Amino acid sequence: MIMWEIDWRDPLSAFAPLAGEADAHLLHGGDRSHAAEWSIITAFPSTVLTAEKDDANPFLKLDELLRERFAERSDATYDLPFVSGAVGFVGYEAARFFEPCLDLPPAPFAFPGVALGLYDAAALFSRVKCKAFIVGRDETACRRLRGALGADPLPAPAAAQFGALSSNFTEAGYREAVAAAIENILDGDYYQANLSHQLAVSASGEVSPFDLFRRLAEGSDAFHGAFLQYEHGAVLSNSPERFFRVEPGAYGRRRILAEPIKGTRPRGTTPEEDARLASALLADPKDRAENIMIADLLRNDLSRICCDGAIREDAVCALMTLANVHHLVSRISGILRDDVSAADIFAALFPCGSITGAPKIEAMNAIARIEKVGRGPYCGAIGYIDDSGAMDFAVAIRTLMVEGARVVMPVGGGVTLRSKPQEEYEETIIKARGALAALGRPEMAAAKP
């Protein structure tokens, strides 16, 4: 393993020369996050694994590549989040590779269904210690990446001029969709379904996805930020929700951690109002039931790949406070069986139950009938698989797809028997506030699409 310390510079400045380079990616939590210590830059992949609807299951090939690339960490790199391996996204519709019975509509984007690049080098930036490193498995790849990084401070990000906000649902139409889901729940079809609608804006001129991501990161304290670039567009994520993390455990075993989020309130305008909203969220029976239901689903999914008796509930309905919202989060962990591969993990867990509902397959089929359009990267997973076997993926919520002058930002929420259609619609708009502020149109959060 190679590890070179380089001069410190802001990770966004370092990435700037790679803006517009297909398959160059930046994993970078919000600038206001106290937990997002590491930013990761990858570029110039040795291989890119992609898959569409009719392709063979790409995760079997992924497992083969990961077995060929497996490399133990050195003592110097042991505590780093990533050295080399796979980085990218798994789109929502990739669930059909694990559940052939699903009949999901195609996504309205040019991105592939799965896009995971294999990288032999990475640039890592500790925003806590203000230290930067080039790491990797190949010296040539490390030198190429080091030479591609920038160092100069960046000017303020440019703001494109966007037109009116639109959605594939009217406000009334979304309320009707929620009401229909509630009727399905009363009929016993499922217990919960996570419905969404796709907000969209178009600019009068060219949109700089990198500038838009910079604006998104400026006002965010979400841990799992990501900027992924592809030939036909970019995926910008500002997710607060970890899907799963795999890390070394005791006695050489691997530990997996999932952190589903369910339950949302806006932040208050005064400390007193903010505290009242947080307390109301913690006490709300609908939000707690929704969160516990999905935590139970994740625990069941984890049981398919974990050792018997090894699953733990580390937290249930804990409060998570972010810049624009309060959330409820649960944390479930387990010890993976020795024979479990990356493909096995995705087959057991994907997509995350927090963005489907329960039971998962019934909820996903209902979502397909009601939404009538695919989700693409949204509600899939974004993250990395290190060549050592470590993994970290976020649920791709608070995620924007940028194609040309058009920006699409889906938003949604879980519908249960206790849901109220108007409140469910309003929750989706609350969740869009950070993205709309980054677009330079915060007033759109109060407007009706």
Protein backbone atom coordinates (compact mmCIF):
# COMPACT_ATOMS: atom_id res chain seq x y z
CA MET A 1 0.00 0.00 0.00
CA ILE A 2 1.18 3.51 -0.86
CA MET A 3 0.64 6.51 1.41
CA TRP A 4 2.13 9.92 0.69
CA GLU A 5 1.34 13.04 2.69
CA ILE A 6 0.73 16.10 0.51
CA ASP A 7 0.23 19.77 1.31
CA TRP A 8 -3.12 20.55 2.88
CA ARG A 9 -5.71 22.33 0.80
CA ASP A 10 -9.49 22.50 0.89
CA PRO A 11 -10.93 19.29 -0.66
CA LEU A 12 -13.16 21.29 -3.00
CA SER A 13 -10.14 23.26 -4.26
CA ALA A 14 -8.28 20.00 -4.74
CA PHE A 15 -11.14 18.56 -6.79
CA ALA A 16 -11.77 21.65 -8.94
CA PRO A 17 -9.51 20.65 -11.89
CA LEU A 18 -11.42 17.35 -12.08
CA ALA A 19 -14.81 19.05 -12.41
CA GLY A 20 -16.32 17.78 -15.66
CA GLU A 21 -14.11 14.66 -15.75
CA ALA A 22 -16.34 11.60 -16.18
CA ASP A 23 -15.88 9.03 -13.39
CA ALA A 24 -14.06 11.52 -11.16
CA HIS A 25 -15.88 11.55 -7.83
CA LEU A 26 -15.83 13.42 -4.54
CA LEU A 27 -17.24 12.05 -1.28
CA HIS A 28 -17.57 15.13 0.90
CA GLY A 29 -19.95 15.73 3.80
CA GLY A 30 -21.56 19.12 4.39
CA ASP A 31 -19.23 21.96 5.38
CA ARG A 32 -21.18 22.42 8.62
CA SER A 33 -20.93 18.77 9.65
CA HIS A 34 -18.91 18.01 12.77
CA ALA A 35 -18.88 14.28 11.97
CA ALA A 36 -17.68 14.38 8.33
CA GLU A 37 -13.95 14.22 8.97
CA TRP A 38 -12.77 12.68 5.71
CA SER A 39 -13.24 13.79 2.13
CA ILE A 40 -12.28 11.31 -0.60
CA ILE A 41 -11.36 12.04 -4.23
CA THR A 42 -11.10 9.32 -6.88
CA ALA A 43 -10.47 9.64 -10.62
CA PHE A 44 -9.18 7.67 -13.62
CA PRO A 45 -10.68 4.25 -12.82
CA SER A 46 -8.99 1.09 -14.03
CA THR A 47 -12.44 -0.45 -14.65
CA VAL A 48 -16.03 0.84 -14.57
CA LEU A 49 -18.75 -1.68 -13.80
CA THR A 50 -22.14 -0.61 -15.18
CA ALA A 51 -25.44 -2.40 -15.64
CA GLU A 52 -28.81 -1.75 -17.23
CA LYS A 53 -32.18 -3.46 -16.87
CA ASP A 54 -31.54 -6.39 -19.20
CA ASP A 55 -27.93 -7.03 -18.22
CA ALA A 56 -26.74 -9.95 -16.11
CA ASN A 57 -26.50 -9.42 -12.37
CA PRO A 58 -23.46 -7.08 -12.06
CA PHE A 59 -22.87 -7.95 -8.41
CA LEU A 60 -21.53 -11.38 -9.34
CA LYS A 61 -18.88 -9.66 -11.48
CA LEU A 62 -18.29 -7.16 -8.67
CA ASP A 63 -17.56 -9.99 -6.24
CA GLU A 64 -15.12 -11.51 -8.74
CA LEU A 65 -13.29 -8.19 -9.15
CA LEU A 66 -13.16 -7.60 -5.40
CA ARG A 67 -11.70 -11.06 -4.79
CA GLU A 68 -8.97 -10.35 -7.36
CA ARG A 69 -8.23 -6.95 -5.80
CA PHE A 70 -8.36 -7.92 -2.12
CA ALA A 71 -5.52 -6.33 -0.16
CA GLU A 72 -4.89 -6.20 3.56
CA ARG A 73 -4.34 -2.77 5.04
CA SER A 74 -0.88 -1.75 6.19
CA ASP A 75 -0.42 -0.38 9.71
CA ALA A 76 -0.08 3.14 8.26
CA THR A 77 -3.38 2.97 6.38
CA TYR A 78 -5.40 0.93 8.90
CA ASP A 79 -7.43 3.87 10.25
CA LEU A 80 -8.15 5.49 6.87
CA PRO A 81 -11.69 5.16 5.49
CA PHE A 82 -10.61 4.25 1.95
CA VAL A 83 -7.39 3.41 0.09
CA SER A 84 -8.47 1.80 -3.19
CA GLY A 85 -11.50 -0.05 -4.48
CA ALA A 86 -15.00 0.64 -5.82
CA VAL A 87 -16.77 4.03 -5.66
CA GLY A 88 -20.11 5.00 -7.19
CA PHE A 89 -23.82 4.33 -6.94
CA VAL A 90 -26.39 1.56 -7.16
CA GLY A 91 -29.68 2.85 -8.57
CA TYR A 92 -33.06 2.02 -7.05
CA GLU A 93 -34.12 -0.15 -10.00
CA ALA A 94 -31.11 -2.44 -9.42
CA ALA A 95 -33.38 -4.19 -6.91
CA ARG A 96 -34.64 -6.27 -9.85
CA PHE A 97 -31.29 -8.10 -9.87
CA PHE A 98 -32.20 -9.52 -6.46
CA GLU A 99 -36.00 -9.75 -6.78
CA PRO A 100 -36.99 -10.76 -10.34
CA CYS A 101 -40.68 -10.53 -9.39
CA LEU A 102 -40.43 -6.74 -9.19
CA ASP A 103 -41.96 -4.84 -12.11
CA LEU A 104 -40.39 -1.38 -11.83
CA PRO A 105 -40.83 1.43 -14.34
CA PRO A 106 -37.65 2.72 -16.02
CA ALA A 107 -35.88 5.75 -14.60
CA PRO A 108 -36.19 8.98 -16.63
CA PHE A 109 -32.43 9.67 -16.54
CA ALA A 110 -29.46 8.84 -18.78
CA PHE A 111 -27.45 7.33 -15.93
CA PRO A 112 -26.85 3.57 -15.88
CA GLY A 113 -28.67 1.48 -13.32
CA VAL A 114 -25.40 0.67 -11.55
CA ALA A 115 -22.10 2.57 -11.89
CA LEU A 116 -19.13 1.49 -9.77
CA GLY A 117 -15.61 2.50 -10.79
CA LEU A 118 -12.58 0.53 -9.57
CA TYR A 119 -9.86 2.93 -8.45
CA ASP A 120 -6.20 2.19 -7.72
CA ALA A 121 -5.57 5.50 -5.93
CA ALA A 122 -7.41 8.09 -3.87
CA ALA A 123 -6.79 11.47 -2.29
CA LEU A 124 -7.90 11.74 1.33
CA PHE A 125 -8.41 14.93 3.31
CA SER A 126 -8.85 15.02 7.09
CA ARG A 127 -10.89 18.14 7.70
CA VAL A 128 -10.33 17.75 11.45
CA LYS A 129 -6.51 17.51 11.37
CA CYS A 130 -6.02 19.56 8.15
CA LYS A 131 -3.88 16.80 6.68
CA ALA A 132 -4.03 15.36 3.17
CA PHE A 133 -2.73 12.12 1.67
CA ILE A 134 -2.42 10.26 -1.60
CA VAL A 135 -3.05 6.55 -0.99
CA GLY A 136 -3.42 3.55 -3.23
CA ARG A 137 -2.20 0.21 -4.54
CA ASP A 138 -0.39 1.43 -7.66
CA GLU A 139 2.36 4.04 -7.78
CA THR A 140 1.57 5.18 -11.33
CA ALA A 141 -2.09 5.74 -10.40
CA CYS A 142 -1.05 7.64 -7.26
CA ARG A 143 1.27 9.94 -9.21
CA ARG A 144 -1.38 10.62 -11.85
CA LEU A 145 -3.99 11.55 -9.26
CA ARG A 146 -1.57 13.73 -7.29
CA GLY A 147 -0.72 15.63 -10.46
CA ALA A 148 -4.40 16.23 -11.27
CA LEU A 149 -5.31 17.91 -7.97
CA GLY A 150 -5.73 21.63 -7.57
CA ALA A 151 -4.46 23.80 -4.74
CA ASP A 152 -5.65 27.34 -5.43
CA PRO A 153 -8.53 28.85 -3.42
CA LEU A 154 -11.80 28.92 -5.33
CA PRO A 155 -13.97 31.94 -6.06
CA ALA A 156 -17.55 31.91 -4.83
CA PRO A 157 -19.62 29.33 -6.74
CA ALA A 158 -21.61 30.69 -9.64
CA ALA A 159 -25.40 30.63 -9.32
CA ALA A 160 -27.45 29.63 -12.35
CA GLN A 161 -30.83 31.24 -13.00
CA PHE A 162 -33.62 28.70 -12.69
CA GLY A 163 -37.20 28.86 -13.85
CA ALA A 164 -40.38 27.69 -12.15
CA LEU A 165 -40.50 24.61 -9.94
CA SER A 166 -42.45 21.69 -11.38
CA SER A 167 -43.36 18.21 -10.17
CA ASN A 168 -44.64 14.98 -11.70
CA PHE A 169 -47.48 15.27 -9.13
CA THR A 170 -49.67 18.25 -8.38
CA GLU A 171 -50.17 18.94 -4.68
CA ALA A 172 -53.68 17.49 -4.94
CA GLY A 173 -52.38 14.52 -6.90
CA TYR A 174 -49.80 13.74 -4.23
CA ARG A 175 -52.43 13.94 -1.51
CA GLU A 176 -54.57 11.53 -3.52
CA ALA A 177 -51.61 9.15 -3.87
CA VAL A 178 -51.10 9.21 -0.10
CA ALA A 179 -54.81 8.59 0.46
CA ALA A 180 -54.69 5.63 -1.97
CA ALA A 181 -51.72 4.17 -0.07
CA ILE A 182 -53.63 4.49 3.20
CA GLU A 183 -56.54 2.58 1.64
CA ASN A 184 -54.09 -0.15 0.59
CA ILE A 185 -52.83 -0.34 4.19
CA LEU A 186 -56.42 -0.64 5.46
CA ASP A 187 -56.92 -3.49 2.98
CA GLY A 188 -53.89 -5.28 4.42
CA ASP A 189 -51.70 -4.97 1.29
CA TYR A 190 -48.72 -3.58 3.27
CA TYR A 191 -47.98 -1.66 6.46
CA GLN A 192 -46.00 1.27 5.10
CA ALA A 193 -44.97 2.67 1.73
CA ASN A 194 -42.47 5.43 1.05
CA LEU A 195 -43.95 7.64 -1.68
CA SER A 196 -42.04 10.35 -3.52
CA HIS A 197 -42.45 12.94 -6.24
CA GLN A 198 -39.84 14.47 -8.51
CA LEU A 199 -39.36 18.22 -8.24
CA ALA A 200 -37.55 19.75 -11.21
CA VAL A 201 -36.18 23.09 -12.38
CA SER A 202 -34.47 24.15 -15.59
CA ALA A 203 -31.90 26.87 -16.03
CA SER A 204 -31.83 29.48 -18.77
CA GLY A 205 -28.18 28.62 -19.45
CA GLU A 206 -25.55 26.03 -18.66
CA VAL A 207 -25.53 24.59 -15.14
CA SER A 208 -22.23 23.89 -13.40
CA PRO A 209 -22.89 20.74 -11.34
CA PHE A 210 -19.72 21.36 -9.31
CA ASP A 211 -20.75 24.90 -8.40
CA LEU A 212 -24.19 23.59 -7.45
CA PHE A 213 -22.60 20.92 -5.24
CA ARG A 214 -20.42 23.56 -3.57
CA ARG A 215 -23.52 25.60 -2.78
CA LEU A 216 -25.26 22.48 -1.46
CA ALA A 217 -22.31 21.65 0.81
CA GLU A 218 -21.99 25.22 2.14
CA GLY A 219 -25.29 25.16 4.00
CA SER A 220 -25.27 21.48 4.95
CA ASP A 221 -24.29 19.45 7.98
CA ALA A 222 -25.28 16.13 6.39
CA PHE A 223 -22.54 13.52 6.81
CA HIS A 224 -22.83 11.61 3.53
CA GLY A 225 -22.31 14.19 0.78
CA ALA A 226 -21.24 13.00 -2.67
CA PHE A 227 -20.50 14.46 -6.11
CA LEU A 228 -20.44 11.78 -8.81
CA GLN A 229 -19.71 12.65 -12.46
CA TYR A 230 -20.69 10.65 -15.53
CA GLU A 231 -20.66 11.16 -19.27
CA HIS A 232 -24.25 12.41 -19.41
CA GLY A 233 -24.56 14.26 -16.10
CA ALA A 234 -23.82 14.35 -12.40
CA VAL A 235 -25.36 13.00 -9.20
CA LEU A 236 -25.22 15.36 -6.21
CA SER A 237 -26.11 13.91 -2.84
CA ASN A 238 -26.52 15.55 0.53
CA SER A 239 -27.74 12.51 2.42
CA PRO A 240 -28.01 12.38 6.20
CA GLU A 241 -28.74 8.63 6.20
CA ARG A 242 -26.24 5.80 6.32
CA PHE A 243 -27.45 2.66 4.54
CA PHE A 244 -24.79 0.34 5.93
CA ARG A 245 -21.17 0.34 7.00
CA VAL A 246 -18.88 -2.70 7.19
CA GLU A 247 -15.84 -2.44 9.44
CA PRO A 248 -13.43 -4.75 11.31
CA GLY A 249 -14.83 -6.20 14.52
CA ALA A 250 -13.44 -8.18 17.43
CA TYR A 251 -11.58 -11.46 16.80
CA GLY A 252 -11.22 -10.75 13.09
CA ARG A 253 -14.97 -10.73 12.44
CA ARG A 254 -16.65 -8.04 10.31
CA ARG A 255 -19.24 -5.75 11.89
CA ILE A 256 -22.10 -4.23 9.87
CA LEU A 257 -24.06 -1.18 10.99
CA ALA A 258 -27.32 0.19 9.53
CA GLU A 259 -28.86 3.55 10.51
CA PRO A 260 -32.38 3.97 9.09
CA ILE A 261 -34.06 7.38 9.36
CA LYS A 262 -37.80 7.79 9.71
CA GLY A 263 -39.64 10.78 11.19
CA THR A 264 -39.12 14.44 10.31
CA ARG A 265 -39.84 17.89 11.73
CA PRO A 266 -38.64 21.31 10.49
CA ARG A 267 -36.21 23.33 12.60
CA GLY A 268 -37.77 26.12 14.62
CA THR A 269 -37.12 29.82 14.14
CA THR A 270 -36.34 30.31 17.87
CA PRO A 271 -34.58 27.99 20.37
CA GLU A 272 -37.88 27.52 22.18
CA GLU A 273 -39.78 26.56 19.02
CA ASP A 274 -36.92 24.31 17.91
CA ALA A 275 -36.94 22.43 21.21
CA ARG A 276 -40.73 22.08 21.07
CA LEU A 277 -40.59 20.61 17.56
CA ALA A 278 -37.84 18.16 18.55
CA SER A 279 -39.79 17.05 21.63
CA ALA A 280 -42.95 16.63 19.55
CA LEU A 281 -41.08 14.43 17.08
CA LEU A 282 -39.64 12.23 19.84
CA ALA A 283 -43.11 11.78 21.35
CA ASP A 284 -45.17 11.38 18.17
CA PRO A 285 -46.70 7.87 17.99
CA LYS A 286 -46.96 7.92 14.19
CA ASP A 287 -43.29 8.82 13.66
CA ARG A 288 -42.08 6.39 16.32
CA ALA A 289 -44.16 3.55 14.89
CA GLU A 290 -42.86 4.32 11.40
CA ASN A 291 -39.25 4.29 12.60
CA ILE A 292 -39.62 1.12 14.68
CA MET A 293 -41.31 -0.68 11.79
CA ILE A 294 -38.37 0.04 9.47
CA ALA A 295 -35.83 -0.80 12.18
CA ASP A 296 -37.56 -4.17 12.51
CA LEU A 297 -37.37 -4.63 8.73
CA LEU A 298 -33.62 -3.84 8.74
CA ARG A 299 -33.05 -6.23 11.63
CA ASN A 300 -34.80 -8.97 9.66
CA ASP A 301 -32.74 -8.17 6.54
CA LEU A 302 -29.52 -8.26 8.55
CA SER A 303 -30.45 -11.68 9.98
CA ARG A 304 -29.98 -13.13 6.48
CA ILE A 305 -26.24 -12.32 6.49
CA CYS A 306 -25.29 -12.09 10.18
CA CYS A 307 -24.30 -14.71 12.73
CA ASP A 308 -27.10 -16.08 14.89
CA GLY A 309 -27.69 -14.00 18.00
CA ALA A 310 -25.26 -11.27 16.85
CA ILE A 311 -27.72 -8.47 15.94
CA ARG A 312 -28.01 -5.56 18.36
CA GLU A 313 -30.22 -2.47 18.59
CA ASP A 314 -27.70 0.22 19.49
CA ALA A 315 -30.32 3.00 19.39
CA VAL A 316 -34.04 3.21 18.65
CA CYS A 317 -35.77 6.49 17.68
CA ALA A 318 -32.81 8.67 18.65
CA LEU A 319 -32.97 12.37 17.74
CA MET A 320 -30.80 13.59 14.83
CA THR A 321 -30.73 17.37 14.38
CA LEU A 322 -29.56 18.86 11.07
CA ALA A 323 -29.50 22.35 9.60
CA ASN A 324 -33.06 22.25 8.22
CA VAL A 325 -34.76 19.32 9.95
CA HIS A 326 -34.96 17.06 12.97
CA HIS A 327 -35.05 13.30 12.28
CA LEU A 328 -35.51 10.08 14.22
CA VAL A 329 -32.75 7.53 13.60
CA SER A 330 -32.27 3.96 14.78
CA ARG A 331 -28.98 2.03 14.75
CA ILE A 332 -28.84 -1.73 14.27
CA SER A 333 -25.59 -3.68 14.10
CA GLY A 334 -24.52 -7.28 13.61
CA ILE A 335 -21.55 -9.55 12.98
CA LEU A 336 -21.34 -10.79 9.39
CA ARG A 337 -20.89 -14.46 8.65
CA ASP A 338 -17.44 -15.26 7.26
CA ASP A 339 -18.72 -16.31 3.83
CA VAL A 340 -20.80 -13.17 3.16
CA SER A 341 -19.74 -11.14 0.09
CA ALA A 342 -20.64 -7.66 -1.16
CA ALA A 343 -23.23 -9.23 -3.48
CA ASP A 344 -24.76 -11.07 -0.51
CA ILE A 345 -25.02 -7.84 1.49
CA PHE A 346 -26.81 -6.00 -1.32
CA ALA A 347 -29.06 -8.98 -2.00
CA ALA A 348 -30.14 -9.01 1.65
CA LEU A 349 -30.49 -5.27 2.27
CA PHE A 350 -31.09 -3.41 -1.00
CA PRO A 351 -32.92 -1.09 -1.29
CA CYS A 352 -32.94 0.25 2.24
CA GLY A 353 -36.31 -0.36 3.90
CA SER A 354 -36.54 3.28 4.97
CA ILE A 355 -37.21 4.32 1.36
CA THR A 356 -39.44 1.38 0.40
CA GLY A 357 -41.73 0.46 3.28
CA ALA A 358 -42.81 -2.87 4.71
CA PRO A 359 -43.15 -5.60 3.64
CA LYS A 360 -40.50 -4.48 1.17
CA ILE A 361 -41.58 -6.23 -2.05
CA GLU A 362 -45.27 -5.38 -1.64
CA ALA A 363 -44.38 -1.76 -0.87
CA MET A 364 -42.08 -1.48 -3.89
CA ASN A 365 -44.71 -2.83 -6.25
CA ALA A 366 -47.20 -0.33 -4.81
CA ILE A 367 -44.69 2.50 -5.25
CA ALA A 368 -44.25 1.51 -8.89
CA ARG A 369 -48.02 1.55 -9.48
CA ILE A 370 -48.52 4.91 -7.76
CA GLU A 371 -45.42 6.85 -8.87
CA LYS A 372 -45.42 5.39 -12.42
CA VAL A 373 -41.83 6.53 -13.02
CA GLY A 374 -38.47 5.11 -12.00
CA ARG A 375 -36.25 6.71 -9.36
CA GLY A 376 -32.76 6.16 -10.83
CA PRO A 377 -29.94 7.02 -8.42
CA TYR A 378 -32.48 8.50 -5.96
CA CYS A 379 -33.29 6.07 -3.15
CA GLY A 380 -30.47 3.80 -4.25
CA ALA A 381 -27.08 3.72 -2.53
CA ILE A 382 -23.92 5.86 -2.87
CA GLY A 383 -20.58 4.95 -1.37
CA TYR A 384 -17.50 2.76 -1.54
CA ILE A 385 -16.13 -0.76 -1.13
CA ASP A 386 -12.47 -0.71 -0.12
CA ASP A 387 -10.13 -3.42 -1.40
CA SER A 388 -9.65 -4.46 2.24
CA GLY A 389 -13.38 -5.31 2.56
CA ALA A 390 -14.46 -2.15 4.40
CA MET A 391 -17.65 -0.59 2.99
CA ASP A 392 -19.74 2.52 3.59
CA PHE A 393 -22.91 3.38 1.67
CA ALA A 394 -25.47 6.12 2.18
CA VAL A 395 -29.13 6.01 1.21
CA ALA A 396 -29.39 8.35 -1.79
CA ILE A 397 -31.94 10.77 -0.37
CA ARG A 398 -31.58 14.58 -0.62
CA THR A 399 -30.07 13.71 -3.99
CA LEU A 400 -30.12 15.75 -7.20
CA MET A 401 -29.65 14.55 -10.76
CA VAL A 402 -28.18 17.17 -13.10
CA GLU A 403 -28.45 16.61 -16.86
CA GLY A 404 -27.63 19.62 -18.99
CA ALA A 405 -29.71 22.59 -17.82
CA ARG A 406 -32.23 20.44 -15.91
CA VAL A 407 -32.03 19.55 -12.22
CA VAL A 408 -34.34 16.90 -10.70
CA MET A 409 -34.63 16.57 -6.91
CA PRO A 410 -37.03 13.85 -5.78
CA VAL A 411 -38.46 14.06 -2.25
CA GLY A 412 -40.69 11.69 -0.35
CA GLY A 413 -41.81 10.24 2.95
CA GLY A 414 -43.26 7.17 4.58
CA VAL A 415 -47.03 6.65 4.54
CA THR A 416 -48.62 4.68 7.37
CA LEU A 417 -52.14 4.21 8.68
CA ARG A 418 -51.74 7.35 10.82
CA SER A 419 -50.58 9.54 7.89
CA LYS A 420 -52.44 12.71 6.93
CA PRO A 421 -52.14 13.46 3.19
CA GLN A 422 -51.58 17.21 3.54
CA GLU A 423 -48.93 16.75 6.23
CA GLU A 424 -47.14 14.15 4.11
CA TYR A 425 -47.00 16.57 1.20
CA GLU A 426 -45.70 19.38 3.41
CA GLU A 427 -42.98 17.08 4.79
CA THR A 428 -41.64 16.51 1.29
CA ILE A 429 -41.32 20.26 0.73
CA ILE A 430 -39.52 20.67 4.06
CA LYS A 431 -36.99 18.08 2.90
CA ALA A 432 -36.37 20.06 -0.30
CA ARG A 433 -35.34 23.24 1.55
CA GLY A 434 -31.59 22.62 1.47
CA ALA A 435 -31.56 21.85 -2.25
CA LEU A 436 -33.78 24.81 -3.10
CA ALA A 437 -31.50 27.13 -1.12
CA ALA A 438 -28.51 25.78 -3.06
CA LEU A 439 -30.39 26.50 -6.28
CA GLY A 440 -30.77 30.10 -5.16
CA ARG A 441 -34.55 29.76 -4.78
CA PRO A 442 -35.31 29.18 -1.08
CA GLU A 443 -38.72 30.81 -1.53
CA MET A 444 -39.71 27.83 -3.67
CA ALA A 445 -39.90 25.73 -0.51
CA ALA A 446 -43.10 27.55 0.38
CA ALA A 447 -44.49 27.56 -3.16
CA LYS A 448 -46.87 24.97 -4.55
CA PRO A 449 -45.47 23.16 -7.59
